[in-house]
């Protein structure tokens, strides 16, 4: 049989679809229809049950999270729901567990599979296209996002972690250490020699500044569990309601890293200033955000830029990486130049 990783994406997702159908036997769900929604790292499917109820099924990429880490993610989602924050509900298996580990012919590794209640709404935007909206809508949406982020951070900062809770950390080492969470971004082949030297110099500076930021007692209340992928495509808009989905990258990190992520792909858009001001105003309706913190945004924008270089570095063969790499390099280098000039 052809090796899974030699197949094109369509052939891979067909094998994952069969694995997903096999997984459904672990739930009390009788599937009447299954449709691929997204296949980037995880494969996400919309299931329509025989009674018409829709669900979202997620087949995880191999090796990103241990079972303990995934269990921790789902525990946090449940805790956020208890705090009345709009996030998808996990659908338990017949045995009461929150996810299954499934093997299937044609897929080389066992895969974690979980199911959530379906969330209505349309994506706020996408990484590729950004957010398309008039200024009033941008103001309303980003004000809502800021308020949602603040409520999430307040819950996380106060939450007593359950025994055995474990997730990765978007800290100085995870962002700019020798083995960053998303890969050694300075080794991206598409970088020119000059770009690589610039990124390396900026990495050293950012690493030092993150360590100093984390060591400052005034900033300790600005670090907790974060979603870590607060981008437009993970925000579903239904009227005036904005719901947050996809906690796959959630871990421990700085709140400003979260907010920088929400704004990163809008930085060059005509509506950026409106989005920024609305995000900050929305955040401040639920949680303090001093001006001294806002002054640190350039540090976290650049740290976020590095992670995206790492993302495409470790996925250079994919069409998404090929499409995004030139833009991500140009953006990261521009931010690095600005940061080193300060």
Protein backbone atom coordinates (compact mmCIF):
# COMPACT_ATOMS: atom_id res chain seq x y z
CA UNK A 1 0.00 0.00 0.00
CA UNK A 2 1.26 3.51 -0.84
CA UNK A 3 2.78 5.25 2.17
CA UNK A 4 0.33 7.77 3.65
CA UNK A 5 2.80 10.64 3.49
CA UNK A 6 3.51 10.06 -0.21
CA UNK A 7 -0.15 10.64 -1.05
CA UNK A 8 -1.65 13.94 -2.17
CA UNK A 9 -3.93 15.74 0.33
CA UNK A 10 -7.12 14.43 -1.26
CA UNK A 11 -5.95 10.84 -0.96
CA UNK A 12 -4.77 11.39 2.62
CA UNK A 13 -8.07 12.88 3.71
CA UNK A 14 -9.98 10.00 2.12
CA UNK A 15 -8.11 7.59 4.38
CA UNK A 16 -8.73 9.88 7.34
CA UNK A 17 -12.43 9.99 6.41
CA UNK A 18 -12.57 6.21 6.70
CA UNK A 19 -10.84 6.43 10.08
CA UNK A 20 -13.41 9.04 11.16
CA UNK A 21 -16.28 6.76 10.18
CA UNK A 22 -14.65 3.94 12.12
CA UNK A 23 -14.32 6.24 15.16
CA UNK A 24 -18.05 6.98 15.24
CA UNK A 25 -18.72 3.51 16.62
CA UNK A 26 -17.25 4.81 19.91
CA UNK A 27 -20.04 7.41 20.20
CA UNK A 28 -23.83 7.14 20.28
CA UNK A 29 -24.01 8.92 16.93
CA UNK A 30 -25.46 7.31 13.82
CA UNK A 31 -23.93 9.16 10.89
CA UNK A 32 -26.06 10.08 7.89
CA UNK A 33 -23.55 12.41 6.26
CA UNK A 34 -19.91 13.42 6.65
CA UNK A 35 -18.19 16.36 4.93
CA UNK A 36 -14.61 17.62 5.15
CA UNK A 37 -14.46 21.17 6.54
CA UNK A 38 -10.70 21.69 6.82
CA UNK A 39 -7.54 19.65 6.37
CA UNK A 40 -4.44 21.56 7.31
CA UNK A 41 -2.88 19.72 10.24
CA UNK A 42 -5.95 18.18 11.78
CA UNK A 43 -8.76 16.92 9.61
CA UNK A 44 -12.11 18.43 10.65
CA UNK A 45 -15.40 17.00 9.40
CA UNK A 46 -19.01 18.04 9.74
CA UNK A 47 -21.18 15.09 10.71
CA UNK A 48 -24.92 15.08 10.29
CA UNK A 49 -26.46 12.38 12.48
CA UNK A 50 -29.45 10.33 11.40
CA UNK A 51 -31.69 12.52 13.59
CA UNK A 52 -30.40 15.66 11.82
CA UNK A 53 -28.11 16.85 14.63
CA UNK A 54 -24.82 18.32 13.33
CA UNK A 55 -21.45 17.74 14.99
CA UNK A 56 -17.79 18.59 14.30
CA UNK A 57 -15.37 15.65 14.34
CA UNK A 58 -11.63 16.29 14.63
CA UNK A 59 -8.98 13.76 13.61
CA UNK A 60 -5.75 14.99 15.17
CA UNK A 61 -2.36 15.12 13.53
CA UNK A 62 0.04 12.58 15.00
CA UNK A 63 2.55 13.55 17.67
CA UNK A 64 1.42 17.10 18.43
CA UNK A 65 -0.22 16.33 21.76
CA UNK A 66 0.06 13.42 24.15
CA UNK A 67 -3.17 11.95 25.47
CA UNK A 68 -2.58 13.82 28.74
CA UNK A 69 -2.17 17.11 26.88
CA UNK A 70 -5.35 16.58 24.84
CA UNK A 71 -7.26 15.59 27.97
CA UNK A 72 -6.04 18.84 29.56
CA UNK A 73 -7.25 20.88 26.56
CA UNK A 74 -10.72 19.37 26.83
CA UNK A 75 -10.79 19.96 30.60
CA UNK A 76 -10.08 23.65 30.04
CA UNK A 77 -12.81 23.92 27.39
CA UNK A 78 -15.29 22.46 29.88
CA UNK A 79 -14.12 24.93 32.54
CA UNK A 80 -14.58 27.85 30.12
CA UNK A 81 -18.13 26.71 29.49
CA UNK A 82 -18.78 26.66 33.22
CA UNK A 83 -17.58 30.27 33.24
CA UNK A 84 -20.23 31.02 30.56
CA UNK A 85 -17.70 31.66 27.81
CA UNK A 86 -18.98 30.60 24.39
CA UNK A 87 -16.87 27.66 23.27
CA UNK A 88 -17.96 24.37 21.66
CA UNK A 89 -19.22 21.55 23.89
CA UNK A 90 -17.31 18.28 23.89
CA UNK A 91 -19.46 15.24 23.08
CA UNK A 92 -18.44 12.30 25.30
CA UNK A 93 -17.99 8.75 24.06
CA UNK A 94 -20.23 5.87 25.15
CA UNK A 95 -17.71 5.13 27.91
CA UNK A 96 -17.73 8.71 29.19
CA UNK A 97 -14.27 9.64 27.92
CA UNK A 98 -13.78 12.83 25.89
CA UNK A 99 -11.75 11.40 23.03
CA UNK A 100 -10.82 8.11 21.41
CA UNK A 101 -7.56 6.80 19.99
CA UNK A 102 -8.35 5.05 16.69
CA UNK A 103 -6.30 2.87 14.37
CA UNK A 104 -7.26 2.14 10.78
CA UNK A 105 -5.66 0.48 7.75
CA UNK A 106 -3.94 3.02 5.51
CA UNK A 107 -3.18 5.51 8.30
CA UNK A 108 0.20 4.64 9.82
CA UNK A 109 -0.29 5.95 13.37
CA UNK A 110 -3.11 5.75 15.87
CA UNK A 111 -5.05 9.03 15.77
CA UNK A 112 -6.80 10.92 18.54
CA UNK A 113 -10.40 11.72 17.60
CA UNK A 114 -12.85 13.99 19.40
CA UNK A 115 -16.31 15.34 18.62
CA UNK A 116 -17.87 18.71 19.46
CA UNK A 117 -21.35 20.07 19.16
CA UNK A 118 -21.69 22.02 15.93
CA UNK A 119 -21.26 25.80 16.25
CA UNK A 120 -23.25 27.96 13.86
CA UNK A 121 -21.73 31.04 12.29
CA UNK A 122 -19.37 32.17 9.56
CA UNK A 123 -15.64 32.68 9.89
CA UNK A 124 -14.62 36.23 10.72
CA UNK A 125 -12.01 35.83 7.98
CA UNK A 126 -9.02 33.72 6.98
CA UNK A 127 -5.25 33.93 7.23
CA UNK A 128 -5.04 34.28 3.46
CA UNK A 129 -7.76 36.92 3.03
CA UNK A 130 -7.89 38.72 6.36
CA UNK A 131 -11.09 40.43 7.52
CA UNK A 132 -13.32 42.12 4.99
CA UNK A 133 -15.75 44.52 6.64
CA UNK A 134 -16.69 48.18 6.94
CA UNK A 135 -15.23 50.16 9.83
CA UNK A 136 -18.34 49.98 12.00
CA UNK A 137 -18.36 46.21 11.67
CA UNK A 138 -14.61 46.01 12.37
CA UNK A 139 -15.12 48.12 15.49
CA UNK A 140 -17.94 45.91 16.73
CA UNK A 141 -16.19 42.64 15.94
CA UNK A 142 -12.83 43.53 17.47
CA UNK A 143 -14.45 45.07 20.51
CA UNK A 144 -16.21 41.74 21.00
CA UNK A 145 -12.96 39.83 20.45
CA UNK A 146 -11.15 41.96 23.00
CA UNK A 147 -13.88 41.38 25.58
CA UNK A 148 -13.86 37.64 24.85
CA UNK A 149 -10.07 37.45 25.26
CA UNK A 150 -10.23 39.32 28.57
CA UNK A 151 -12.92 37.01 29.95
CA UNK A 152 -10.91 33.98 28.86
CA UNK A 153 -7.74 35.31 30.53
CA UNK A 154 -9.62 36.15 33.72
CA UNK A 155 -10.97 32.60 33.93
CA UNK A 156 -7.56 31.08 33.17
CA UNK A 157 -5.68 33.23 35.68
CA UNK A 158 -8.07 32.25 38.48
CA UNK A 159 -8.61 28.59 37.56
CA UNK A 160 -7.13 25.89 39.80
CA UNK A 161 -5.58 23.42 37.36
CA UNK A 162 -6.81 19.83 37.81
CA UNK A 163 -4.33 17.13 38.79
CA UNK A 164 -2.25 15.97 35.86
CA UNK A 165 -2.96 19.06 33.74
CA UNK A 166 -0.20 19.57 31.16
CA UNK A 167 0.18 21.77 28.09
CA UNK A 168 3.09 23.33 26.21
CA UNK A 169 4.29 26.86 26.95
CA UNK A 170 4.55 29.86 24.61
CA UNK A 171 7.31 31.31 26.77
CA UNK A 172 10.78 32.61 25.87
CA UNK A 173 12.05 29.09 25.15
CA UNK A 174 8.93 28.00 23.31
CA UNK A 175 9.01 31.09 21.11
CA UNK A 176 12.71 31.84 20.58
CA UNK A 177 14.77 29.11 22.25
CA UNK A 178 16.92 26.50 20.55
CA UNK A 179 13.90 24.24 19.97
CA UNK A 180 10.84 26.48 19.50
CA UNK A 181 7.42 24.88 19.61
CA UNK A 182 6.81 25.41 15.89
CA UNK A 183 10.34 24.79 14.66
CA UNK A 184 13.71 26.48 14.16
CA UNK A 185 12.36 29.35 12.09
CA UNK A 186 15.77 30.83 11.31
CA UNK A 187 16.55 27.70 9.26
CA UNK A 188 13.73 28.31 6.78
CA UNK A 189 15.28 27.56 3.38
CA UNK A 190 13.48 30.40 1.62
CA UNK A 191 15.35 33.02 3.67
CA UNK A 192 18.19 34.81 1.92
CA UNK A 193 21.52 35.09 3.71
CA UNK A 194 20.76 38.69 4.67
CA UNK A 195 17.27 37.81 5.87
CA UNK A 196 18.60 34.90 7.92
CA UNK A 197 21.18 37.13 9.62
CA UNK A 198 18.49 39.72 10.36
CA UNK A 199 16.16 37.10 11.84
CA UNK A 200 18.98 35.65 13.94
CA UNK A 201 19.90 39.05 15.37
CA UNK A 202 16.26 39.81 16.10
CA UNK A 203 15.77 36.38 17.69
CA UNK A 204 18.58 37.03 20.19
CA UNK A 205 17.10 40.41 21.09
CA UNK A 206 13.54 39.07 21.40
CA UNK A 207 14.70 36.16 23.55
CA UNK A 208 16.45 38.53 25.96
CA UNK A 209 13.46 40.87 26.06
CA UNK A 210 10.99 38.04 26.69
CA UNK A 211 13.11 36.79 29.58
CA UNK A 212 13.23 40.30 31.02
CA UNK A 213 9.48 40.75 30.51
CA UNK A 214 8.72 37.46 32.26
CA UNK A 215 11.03 38.31 35.17
CA UNK A 216 9.26 41.60 35.84
CA UNK A 217 6.86 41.13 38.81
CA UNK A 218 4.45 43.63 37.25
CA UNK A 219 3.85 41.22 34.35
CA UNK A 220 3.11 38.04 36.30
CA UNK A 221 -0.63 38.61 36.12
CA UNK A 222 -0.32 38.73 32.33
CA UNK A 223 0.59 35.04 31.93
CA UNK A 224 -1.80 32.07 32.09
CA UNK A 225 -3.41 29.57 29.79
CA UNK A 226 -4.15 31.23 26.44
CA UNK A 227 -5.88 30.09 23.27
CA UNK A 228 -2.76 30.98 21.22
CA UNK A 229 -4.51 30.93 17.83
CA UNK A 230 -6.90 33.85 18.15
CA UNK A 231 -7.05 34.38 14.38
CA UNK A 232 -10.00 35.32 12.21
CA UNK A 233 -10.73 31.80 10.96
CA UNK A 234 -11.11 30.52 14.54
CA UNK A 235 -13.77 33.10 15.36
CA UNK A 236 -17.28 32.26 14.20
CA UNK A 237 -19.66 35.21 13.87
CA UNK A 238 -23.39 34.65 14.30
CA UNK A 239 -25.12 38.02 14.32
CA UNK A 240 -23.51 39.97 17.15
CA UNK A 241 -22.11 36.84 18.82
CA UNK A 242 -18.48 35.81 18.28
CA UNK A 243 -17.53 32.29 19.36
CA UNK A 244 -14.02 30.93 19.74
CA UNK A 245 -13.18 27.49 18.35
CA UNK A 246 -10.07 25.30 17.85
CA UNK A 247 -8.02 25.09 21.05
CA UNK A 248 -5.40 22.84 19.43
CA UNK A 249 -2.56 25.32 20.09
CA UNK A 250 -3.75 26.36 23.55
CA UNK A 251 -1.07 26.43 26.21
CA UNK A 252 0.57 28.66 28.78
CA UNK A 253 1.57 32.06 27.48
CA UNK A 254 1.47 35.82 27.83
CA UNK A 255 -1.80 37.62 27.32
CA UNK A 256 -0.14 40.08 24.96
CA UNK A 257 0.90 37.17 22.73
CA UNK A 258 -2.79 36.30 22.50
CA UNK A 259 -3.78 39.84 21.56
CA UNK A 260 -0.93 40.16 19.06
CA UNK A 261 -2.15 36.98 17.40
CA UNK A 262 -5.66 38.40 17.04
CA UNK A 263 -4.29 41.46 15.21
CA UNK A 264 -1.29 40.04 13.37
CA UNK A 265 -2.81 39.42 9.96
CA UNK A 266 -4.63 42.75 10.03
CA UNK A 267 -1.51 44.85 10.59
CA UNK A 268 -1.26 45.95 6.96
CA UNK A 269 -5.00 46.41 6.45
CA UNK A 270 -6.57 49.88 6.10
CA UNK A 271 -8.77 49.14 9.11
CA UNK A 272 -5.91 48.12 11.42
CA UNK A 273 -6.00 51.20 13.67
CA UNK A 274 -9.73 50.77 14.15
CA UNK A 275 -9.31 47.07 14.96
CA UNK A 276 -6.46 47.76 17.40
CA UNK A 277 -8.31 50.48 19.28
CA UNK A 278 -11.50 48.40 19.44
CA UNK A 279 -9.64 45.31 20.66
CA UNK A 280 -7.98 47.25 23.49
CA UNK A 281 -11.22 49.01 24.46
CA UNK A 282 -13.10 45.69 24.46
CA UNK A 283 -10.42 44.02 26.57
CA UNK A 284 -10.47 46.84 29.10
CA UNK A 285 -14.21 46.40 29.67
CA UNK A 286 -13.40 43.16 31.52
CA UNK A 287 -9.72 43.26 32.49
CA UNK A 288 -7.03 45.91 33.10
CA UNK A 289 -4.54 46.54 30.31
CA UNK A 290 -2.16 49.38 31.28
CA UNK A 291 -0.54 51.60 28.68
CA UNK A 292 2.81 50.13 29.78
CA UNK A 293 1.60 46.78 28.43
CA UNK A 294 0.41 48.26 25.15
CA UNK A 295 3.93 49.61 24.64
CA UNK A 296 5.12 45.97 24.54
CA UNK A 297 3.06 45.00 21.49
CA UNK A 298 6.05 45.21 19.06
CA UNK A 299 7.84 42.52 21.07
CA UNK A 300 4.91 40.13 20.81
CA UNK A 301 4.14 40.90 17.18
CA UNK A 302 7.70 39.90 16.30
CA UNK A 303 7.57 36.78 18.48
CA UNK A 304 4.35 35.82 16.67
CA UNK A 305 6.03 36.48 13.31
CA UNK A 306 8.78 34.02 14.22
CA UNK A 307 6.25 31.27 14.96
CA UNK A 308 4.71 31.61 11.51
CA UNK A 309 8.15 31.28 9.89
CA UNK A 310 8.58 28.11 11.92
CA UNK A 311 5.19 26.87 10.79
CA UNK A 312 6.04 27.13 7.09
CA UNK A 313 9.60 25.85 7.72
CA UNK A 314 8.25 22.56 9.04
CA UNK A 315 5.62 22.29 6.27
CA UNK A 316 7.55 23.49 3.23
CA UNK A 317 6.07 20.79 1.00
CA UNK A 318 2.45 21.93 1.52
CA UNK A 319 0.58 24.26 -0.83
CA UNK A 320 -0.43 26.50 2.08
CA UNK A 321 3.21 26.99 3.11
CA UNK A 322 4.29 27.69 -0.46
CA UNK A 323 1.57 30.30 -0.81
CA UNK A 324 2.18 32.05 2.51
CA UNK A 325 5.99 31.91 2.80
CA UNK A 326 6.88 35.06 0.78
CA UNK A 327 4.35 37.18 2.69
CA UNK A 328 5.39 35.79 6.07
CA UNK A 329 9.09 36.40 5.38
CA UNK A 330 8.50 39.98 4.22
CA UNK A 331 6.34 40.71 7.26
CA UNK A 332 8.77 39.16 9.75
CA UNK A 333 11.77 40.96 8.27
CA UNK A 334 9.96 44.30 8.31
CA UNK A 335 9.02 43.84 11.96
CA UNK A 336 12.55 42.70 12.82
CA UNK A 337 14.10 45.77 11.20
CA UNK A 338 11.73 48.08 13.05
CA UNK A 339 12.32 46.32 16.37
CA UNK A 340 16.11 46.40 16.12
CA UNK A 341 16.02 50.12 15.33
CA UNK A 342 14.28 50.92 18.60
